[in-house]
Protein backbone atom coordinates (compact mmCIF):
# COMPACT_ATOMS: atom_id res chain seq x y z
CA MET A 1 2.17 48.48 -8.68
CA ILE A 2 5.80 49.55 -9.06
CA ILE A 3 7.43 48.77 -12.43
CA LYS A 4 11.15 49.31 -12.99
CA ARG A 5 13.51 48.66 -15.88
CA TYR A 6 17.14 47.64 -15.38
CA ILE A 7 20.01 47.53 -17.89
CA VAL A 8 22.56 45.02 -16.58
CA ASP A 9 25.43 42.80 -17.68
CA ASN A 10 23.95 39.55 -16.31
CA MET A 11 20.95 38.15 -14.46
CA ASN A 12 22.80 37.89 -11.14
CA GLU A 13 23.26 41.67 -11.16
CA ALA A 14 19.61 42.15 -12.13
CA MET A 15 18.30 39.89 -9.37
CA THR A 16 20.48 41.57 -6.75
CA ARG A 17 19.20 45.03 -7.70
CA ILE A 18 15.57 43.91 -8.01
CA ARG A 19 15.64 42.15 -4.65
CA TYR A 20 17.25 45.18 -2.99
CA GLU A 21 14.90 47.77 -4.52
CA LEU A 22 11.61 45.87 -4.91
CA GLY A 23 11.90 42.98 -2.44
CA ASN A 24 11.77 39.19 -2.73
CA ASP A 25 8.15 39.23 -3.90
CA ALA A 26 9.07 41.09 -7.08
CA VAL A 27 8.17 39.43 -10.39
CA ILE A 28 10.23 39.60 -13.59
CA VAL A 29 7.88 40.72 -16.36
CA SER A 30 10.27 40.45 -19.27
CA GLN A 31 13.93 40.22 -20.24
CA ARG A 32 15.72 40.73 -23.53
CA LYS A 33 19.22 41.31 -24.85
CA ILE A 34 19.96 44.79 -26.24
CA ARG A 35 22.92 46.58 -27.81
CA GLN A 36 24.43 49.70 -26.27
CA LYS A 37 23.77 52.99 -28.03
CA GLY A 38 26.09 54.37 -30.65
CA ILE A 39 28.70 52.77 -32.88
CA ILE A 40 30.49 51.35 -29.86
CA GLY A 41 27.41 49.24 -29.18
CA PHE A 42 28.34 47.00 -32.13
CA ILE A 43 31.68 46.23 -30.53
CA LYS A 44 30.79 45.74 -26.89
CA PRO A 45 28.81 42.70 -25.61
CA LYS A 46 25.04 43.02 -25.48
CA LYS A 47 23.38 44.16 -22.26
CA ILE A 48 20.27 42.58 -20.73
CA GLU A 49 17.16 44.71 -20.27
CA VAL A 50 15.05 43.36 -17.39
CA THR A 51 11.61 44.69 -16.45
CA ALA A 52 10.35 43.85 -12.94
CA ALA A 53 7.19 44.64 -11.01
CA ALA A 54 6.10 44.64 -7.36
CA ASP A 55 3.01 45.61 -5.38
CA ASP A 56 3.10 49.10 -3.84
CA LYS A 57 1.61 48.25 -0.45
CA SER A 58 1.71 51.90 0.61
CA LYS A 59 -0.87 52.90 -2.03
CA LYS A 60 -3.84 50.95 -0.77
CA SER A 61 -7.06 53.01 -1.02
CA LYS A 62 -10.79 52.80 -0.66
CA GLU A 63 -11.07 51.09 -4.02
CA ASN A 64 -9.58 47.98 -2.51
CA SER A 65 -12.11 48.07 0.33
CA ASP A 66 -15.02 47.24 -1.99
CA LYS A 67 -12.91 44.64 -3.71
CA ASP A 68 -12.05 43.05 -0.35
CA LYS A 69 -15.74 42.96 0.60
CA ASN A 70 -16.64 41.27 -2.69
CA GLU A 71 -13.83 38.77 -2.25
CA SER A 72 -14.97 38.09 1.32
CA LEU A 73 -18.54 37.53 0.12
CA GLN A 74 -17.34 35.25 -2.67
CA LYS A 75 -15.23 33.31 -0.16
CA GLU A 76 -18.29 32.77 2.05
CA ILE A 77 -20.29 31.57 -0.97
CA ASN A 78 -17.50 29.15 -1.95
CA GLU A 79 -17.33 27.86 1.63
CA LEU A 80 -21.08 27.23 1.60
CA LYS A 81 -20.74 25.38 -1.71
CA GLU A 82 -17.95 23.24 -0.30
CA MET A 83 -20.02 22.56 2.81
CA MET A 84 -22.98 21.42 0.71
CA ALA A 85 -20.72 19.26 -1.46
CA SER A 86 -19.21 17.75 1.69
CA LEU A 87 -22.66 16.95 3.09
CA LEU A 88 -23.72 15.36 -0.19
CA GLY A 89 -20.47 13.41 -0.26
CA GLN A 90 -21.06 12.18 3.28
CA LYS A 91 -24.55 11.09 2.25
CA GLU A 92 -23.13 9.10 -0.68
CA GLN A 93 -20.47 7.61 1.54
CA SER A 94 -23.16 6.62 4.02
CA LYS A 95 -25.00 4.73 1.25
CA ILE A 96 -21.85 2.83 0.37
CA LYS A 97 -21.20 1.99 4.02
CA THR A 98 -24.66 0.48 4.45
CA GLN A 99 -24.21 -1.63 1.32
CA ASP A 100 -20.91 -3.19 2.38
CA ARG A 101 -19.31 -3.30 5.81
CA SER A 102 -15.95 -4.59 4.59
CA LYS A 103 -13.15 -3.30 6.84
CA THR A 104 -10.98 -2.49 3.84
CA LYS A 105 -13.75 -0.47 2.22
CA GLN A 106 -14.31 1.50 5.41
CA ARG A 107 -10.62 2.31 5.56
CA LEU A 108 -10.74 3.54 1.95
CA LEU A 109 -13.62 5.87 2.78
CA GLU A 110 -11.96 7.12 5.94
CA ASN A 111 -8.69 7.63 4.07
CA ASP A 112 -10.33 10.08 1.64
CA ILE A 113 -10.48 7.83 -1.44
CA PRO A 114 -12.95 9.44 -3.91
CA ILE A 115 -16.25 7.60 -4.26
CA GLU A 116 -15.89 7.24 -8.03
CA ILE A 117 -12.59 5.39 -7.61
CA ILE A 118 -14.06 3.07 -4.97
CA GLU A 119 -17.00 2.30 -7.22
CA ASP A 120 -14.62 1.63 -10.12
CA ILE A 121 -12.65 -0.81 -7.94
CA TYR A 122 -15.79 -2.67 -6.86
CA ASN A 123 -17.07 -2.84 -10.44
CA ALA A 124 -13.75 -4.40 -11.43
CA ILE A 125 -14.15 -6.98 -8.65
CA LYS A 126 -17.59 -7.91 -9.97
CA GLU A 127 -16.30 -8.25 -13.54
CA ASN A 128 -13.33 -10.34 -12.44
CA ASN A 129 -15.53 -12.72 -10.47
CA GLY A 130 -18.63 -12.94 -12.67
CA ASN A 131 -20.88 -11.20 -10.13
CA LYS A 132 -20.37 -14.07 -7.67
CA LYS A 133 -20.98 -13.38 -4.00
CA LEU A 134 -17.64 -13.05 -2.24
CA SER A 135 -16.72 -13.18 1.40
CA SER A 136 -15.43 -9.99 3.07
CA LYS A 137 -11.98 -11.54 3.30
CA LYS A 138 -11.97 -12.29 -0.44
CA ILE A 139 -13.17 -8.76 -1.26
CA GLU A 140 -10.38 -7.25 0.84
CA LYS A 141 -7.84 -9.36 -1.01
CA GLU A 142 -9.26 -8.33 -4.40
CA ILE A 143 -9.19 -4.64 -3.43
CA LYS A 144 -5.53 -4.84 -2.43
CA LEU A 145 -4.65 -6.56 -5.72
CA ILE A 146 -6.43 -3.89 -7.79
CA ILE A 147 -4.88 -0.98 -5.86
CA GLU A 148 -1.49 -2.65 -6.19
CA LYS A 149 -1.94 -2.60 -9.98
CA ILE A 150 -3.01 1.07 -9.97
CA ILE A 151 0.08 2.15 -8.00
CA LYS A 152 3.06 1.95 -10.36
CA ILE A 153 6.67 2.51 -9.30
CA ASN A 154 9.33 4.02 -11.56
CA GLU A 155 12.31 1.66 -11.65
CA LYS A 156 14.38 3.99 -13.88
CA LYS A 157 14.94 7.10 -11.78
CA ASP A 158 18.61 7.66 -12.67
CA CYS A 159 18.01 9.21 -16.09
CA ARG A 160 20.51 11.89 -17.13
CA LEU A 161 18.22 14.71 -18.26
CA GLN A 162 15.33 15.28 -15.85
CA VAL A 163 12.71 18.06 -15.97
CA PHE A 164 10.38 19.04 -13.13
CA ILE A 165 6.99 20.59 -13.87
CA GLY A 166 3.90 21.33 -11.81
CA PRO A 167 1.67 23.99 -10.29
CA THR A 168 2.85 26.69 -7.88
CA GLY A 169 3.34 25.90 -4.22
CA VAL A 170 3.98 22.14 -4.45
CA GLY A 171 7.60 22.35 -3.25
CA LYS A 172 9.18 21.73 -6.63
CA THR A 173 12.41 23.68 -6.08
CA THR A 174 13.04 22.15 -2.64
CA THR A 175 12.40 18.68 -4.09
CA ILE A 176 14.99 19.29 -6.82
CA ALA A 177 17.51 20.30 -4.14
CA LYS A 178 16.82 17.06 -2.25
CA ILE A 179 17.28 14.92 -5.36
CA ALA A 180 20.45 16.82 -6.31
CA SER A 181 21.83 16.18 -2.81
CA MET A 182 20.89 12.51 -2.99
CA TYR A 183 22.72 12.01 -6.30
CA SER A 184 25.72 14.16 -5.34
CA LEU A 185 26.31 13.17 -1.71
CA TYR A 186 25.08 9.59 -1.54
CA GLN A 187 25.62 8.27 -5.07
CA GLN A 188 28.76 10.30 -5.91
CA LYS A 189 27.33 11.46 -9.25
CA LYS A 190 28.24 14.68 -11.04
CA VAL A 191 25.07 16.78 -10.92
CA GLY A 192 24.16 20.00 -12.72
CA LEU A 193 21.23 22.35 -12.03
CA ILE A 194 19.44 24.50 -14.59
CA THR A 195 16.46 26.77 -13.96
CA ILE A 196 14.15 28.43 -16.43
CA ASP A 197 12.05 29.82 -13.55
CA THR A 198 13.21 33.44 -13.83
CA TYR A 199 9.81 34.80 -12.77
CA ARG A 200 10.46 34.28 -9.07
CA ILE A 201 13.65 35.83 -7.70
CA GLY A 202 13.46 33.74 -4.53
CA ALA A 203 13.33 30.43 -6.43
CA VAL A 204 16.46 31.23 -8.46
CA GLU A 205 18.35 32.31 -5.35
CA GLN A 206 17.23 29.22 -3.44
CA LEU A 207 18.50 26.84 -6.12
CA LYS A 208 21.73 28.87 -6.51
CA THR A 209 22.34 28.57 -2.75
CA TYR A 210 21.95 24.79 -2.85
CA SER A 211 24.28 24.53 -5.84
CA ASP A 212 26.93 26.54 -3.96
CA ILE A 213 26.61 24.32 -0.88
CA LEU A 214 26.90 21.14 -2.94
CA GLY A 215 29.64 22.58 -5.15
CA ILE A 216 27.79 21.73 -8.37
CA PRO A 217 27.29 23.85 -11.54
CA PHE A 218 24.20 26.04 -11.87
CA LYS A 219 22.82 27.82 -14.95
CA VAL A 220 19.90 30.18 -15.59
CA ALA A 221 18.21 29.91 -19.00
CA LEU A 222 16.57 33.23 -19.89
CA SER A 223 14.80 31.86 -22.96
CA ILE A 224 14.20 28.69 -24.93
CA LYS A 225 17.26 29.50 -27.08
CA ASP A 226 19.51 29.42 -24.00
CA ILE A 227 18.56 25.87 -23.00
CA PRO A 228 20.71 23.86 -25.47
CA LYS A 229 23.78 25.94 -24.56
CA ALA A 230 23.20 25.48 -20.83
CA ILE A 231 22.85 21.72 -21.28
CA ASP A 232 25.95 21.56 -23.50
CA GLU A 233 28.00 23.38 -20.85
CA MET A 234 27.12 20.55 -18.45
CA LYS A 235 28.11 17.71 -20.78
CA GLU A 236 30.40 16.24 -18.11
CA CYS A 237 27.52 15.86 -15.63
CA ASP A 238 25.97 12.43 -14.99
CA VAL A 239 22.62 13.97 -14.09
CA ILE A 240 21.11 17.34 -15.07
CA LEU A 241 18.04 18.54 -13.14
CA ILE A 242 15.96 21.30 -14.75
CA ASP A 243 13.51 23.45 -12.78
CA THR A 244 10.56 25.11 -14.55
CA THR A 245 8.17 27.87 -13.61
CA GLY A 246 5.17 26.82 -11.52
CA ARG A 247 1.99 27.20 -13.54
CA ASN A 248 -1.69 27.67 -12.76
CA CYS A 249 -3.32 24.43 -13.91
CA LYS A 250 -6.35 26.37 -15.18
CA ASN A 251 -4.21 28.56 -17.46
CA MET A 252 -3.70 26.46 -20.58
CA MET A 253 -1.59 29.17 -22.23
CA GLN A 254 0.96 28.95 -19.42
CA ILE A 255 0.97 25.15 -19.58
CA SER A 256 1.44 25.37 -23.35
CA GLU A 257 4.51 27.56 -22.76
CA THR A 258 5.90 24.93 -20.37
CA ARG A 259 5.28 22.27 -23.04
CA LYS A 260 7.41 24.23 -25.54
CA TYR A 261 10.29 24.38 -23.05
CA VAL A 262 10.03 20.65 -22.32
CA GLU A 263 9.98 19.78 -26.03
CA THR A 264 13.14 21.85 -26.56
CA ILE A 265 14.89 20.08 -23.68
CA ASN A 266 13.98 16.61 -25.00
CA ALA A 267 14.35 15.17 -21.49
CA ASP A 268 14.78 11.52 -20.57
CA ILE A 269 12.16 11.89 -17.84
CA VAL A 270 9.56 14.57 -17.05
CA HIS A 271 8.41 14.60 -13.41
CA LEU A 272 4.99 16.07 -12.57
CA VAL A 273 5.26 17.26 -8.96
CA LEU A 274 2.04 17.08 -6.92
CA SER A 275 1.33 18.06 -3.32
CA MET A 276 -0.65 15.52 -1.29
CA THR A 277 -2.34 18.38 0.58
CA THR A 278 -4.12 19.46 -2.62
CA LYS A 279 -7.87 18.82 -2.84
CA GLN A 280 -8.92 15.68 -4.72
CA GLY A 281 -10.79 17.57 -7.43
CA ASP A 282 -7.83 19.88 -8.01
CA ILE A 283 -5.41 16.95 -8.31
CA LYS A 284 -7.59 15.43 -11.02
CA LYS A 285 -7.69 18.76 -12.89
CA ILE A 286 -3.91 19.29 -12.62
CA ILE A 287 -3.22 15.78 -13.92
CA GLU A 288 -5.59 16.16 -16.87
CA ASN A 289 -4.40 19.62 -17.94
CA TYR A 290 -0.69 18.82 -17.65
CA LYS A 291 -1.03 15.74 -19.88
CA THR A 292 -0.28 18.00 -22.86
CA VAL A 293 3.29 18.28 -21.50
CA ASN A 294 3.69 14.49 -21.78
CA TYR A 295 5.04 13.84 -18.28
CA ASN A 296 6.05 10.23 -17.56
CA SER A 297 6.69 10.29 -13.82
CA LEU A 298 5.06 11.54 -10.61
CA ILE A 299 6.70 12.99 -7.50
CA LEU A 300 4.36 13.25 -4.50
CA THR A 301 5.29 15.94 -1.97
CA LYS A 302 4.16 16.91 1.55
CA VAL A 303 3.10 13.36 2.43
CA ASP A 304 3.91 14.25 6.04
CA GLU A 305 1.45 17.17 6.04
CA THR A 306 -1.73 15.11 5.61
CA LEU A 307 -3.57 12.64 7.83
CA THR A 308 -5.29 10.85 4.93
CA TYR A 309 -3.62 9.43 1.84
CA GLY A 310 -6.37 9.12 -0.74
CA SER A 311 -4.51 11.66 -2.88
CA ILE A 312 -1.82 9.04 -3.56
CA LEU A 313 -4.35 6.72 -5.19
CA THR A 314 -6.08 9.62 -6.98
CA SER A 315 -2.74 10.69 -8.50
CA CYS A 316 -1.96 7.16 -9.70
CA PHE A 317 -5.49 6.43 -10.89
CA TYR A 318 -5.82 9.50 -13.13
CA GLY A 319 -2.13 10.02 -13.96
CA ASN A 320 -1.48 6.42 -14.99
CA VAL A 321 2.30 6.92 -14.79
CA PRO A 322 4.78 5.58 -12.22
CA ILE A 323 5.82 7.36 -9.03
CA SER A 324 9.54 8.11 -8.65
CA PHE A 325 9.81 9.81 -5.26
CA ILE A 326 7.79 10.99 -2.26
CA THR A 327 8.85 13.76 0.12
CA THR A 328 8.14 13.69 3.84
CA GLY A 329 9.36 17.02 5.24
CA GLN A 330 11.36 20.21 4.67
CA ASN A 331 14.82 18.90 5.56
CA VAL A 332 17.34 18.70 2.70
CA PRO A 333 18.38 16.08 1.75
CA GLU A 334 16.88 13.74 4.36
CA ASP A 335 13.13 14.06 3.77
CA ILE A 336 12.82 12.26 0.44
CA GLU A 337 12.25 8.58 -0.34
CA GLU A 338 12.39 6.54 -3.49
CA ALA A 339 8.85 5.32 -4.15
CA ASN A 340 8.13 1.91 -2.64
CA LYS A 341 4.95 0.02 -3.56
CA ASP A 342 4.51 -1.70 -0.17
CA ARG A 343 4.91 1.61 1.66
CA LEU A 344 2.41 3.42 -0.58
CA LEU A 345 -0.06 0.53 -0.43
CA LYS A 346 -0.04 0.62 3.36
CA LEU A 347 -0.62 4.38 3.37
CA VAL A 348 -3.57 4.12 0.96
CA LEU A 349 -5.15 1.22 2.88
CA GLY A 350 -4.61 2.90 6.26
CA ASP A 351 -2.26 0.18 7.47
CA ASP A 352 0.82 2.39 7.98
CA ASN A 353 0.97 3.10 11.69
């Protein structure tokens, strides 16, 4: 591990030096404002002290060999666990299939809808109809009505102050760029971008590049105290989009830190960004743990990268908040859509050919 300390005038200078000396994978460990030494330090502006770290790939040794073996063994154990869980899941699915041959139910199973959600839907059908025997056609109609109620669409997507939260790797920064382009190019709105994700050099540079292309203001908030000032400097903007650091959903301390930032921002809308390639169990965990941040919107990404769409229903079922957007590719700004109930319903039911 290489750790270096930089004394700079601004974060742009720091990021340029860090990227040049440590590479794009470098991580900012800390940053703070300091005075220069001597009496003159009380006159001149404060400097910024930035500490960054990066892996020293040239110092790999035998110690890592044992670690790699243990990780490989653990990976094999996890794969066996997943295989057993998959076999048990297939057995449960087989039971459900023999109980009811409804075409809609088969499509739900094939489209990776979790068994517990399917059972919940069928229990609701029984309650709604007093345990009466229903024809397959009637059951299909009831299922569609229930799923339609589960999938909610956000009709108020044009809020001024919007925050984006979520785990790492879901495409959050790219999604923000798409939405900024949509507002700026297609709706002729004045858009501002703010990031508090100073941990990843690449993410800051990516958002800065998009802001330069679109000709819109961009600010970096180094701490919670910098947020109100950054927002105030964009008071002429119709829409302000704020990027946050991706967090491990299992690390509640990190999520708590995100919650503090969001509370300081006092946003009109907080989007939880979820990837539709994420495993069903992980989606449920992410949704539950991020509820402390009080999100009120979902954005579903990478819809184009999956062949089954059960994750859409899982997100709506456990999140219980409306969907604002879905993304369908890497192209900016084309590959983003405002959420449409008919479109999502067809995907979930396997009717979207």
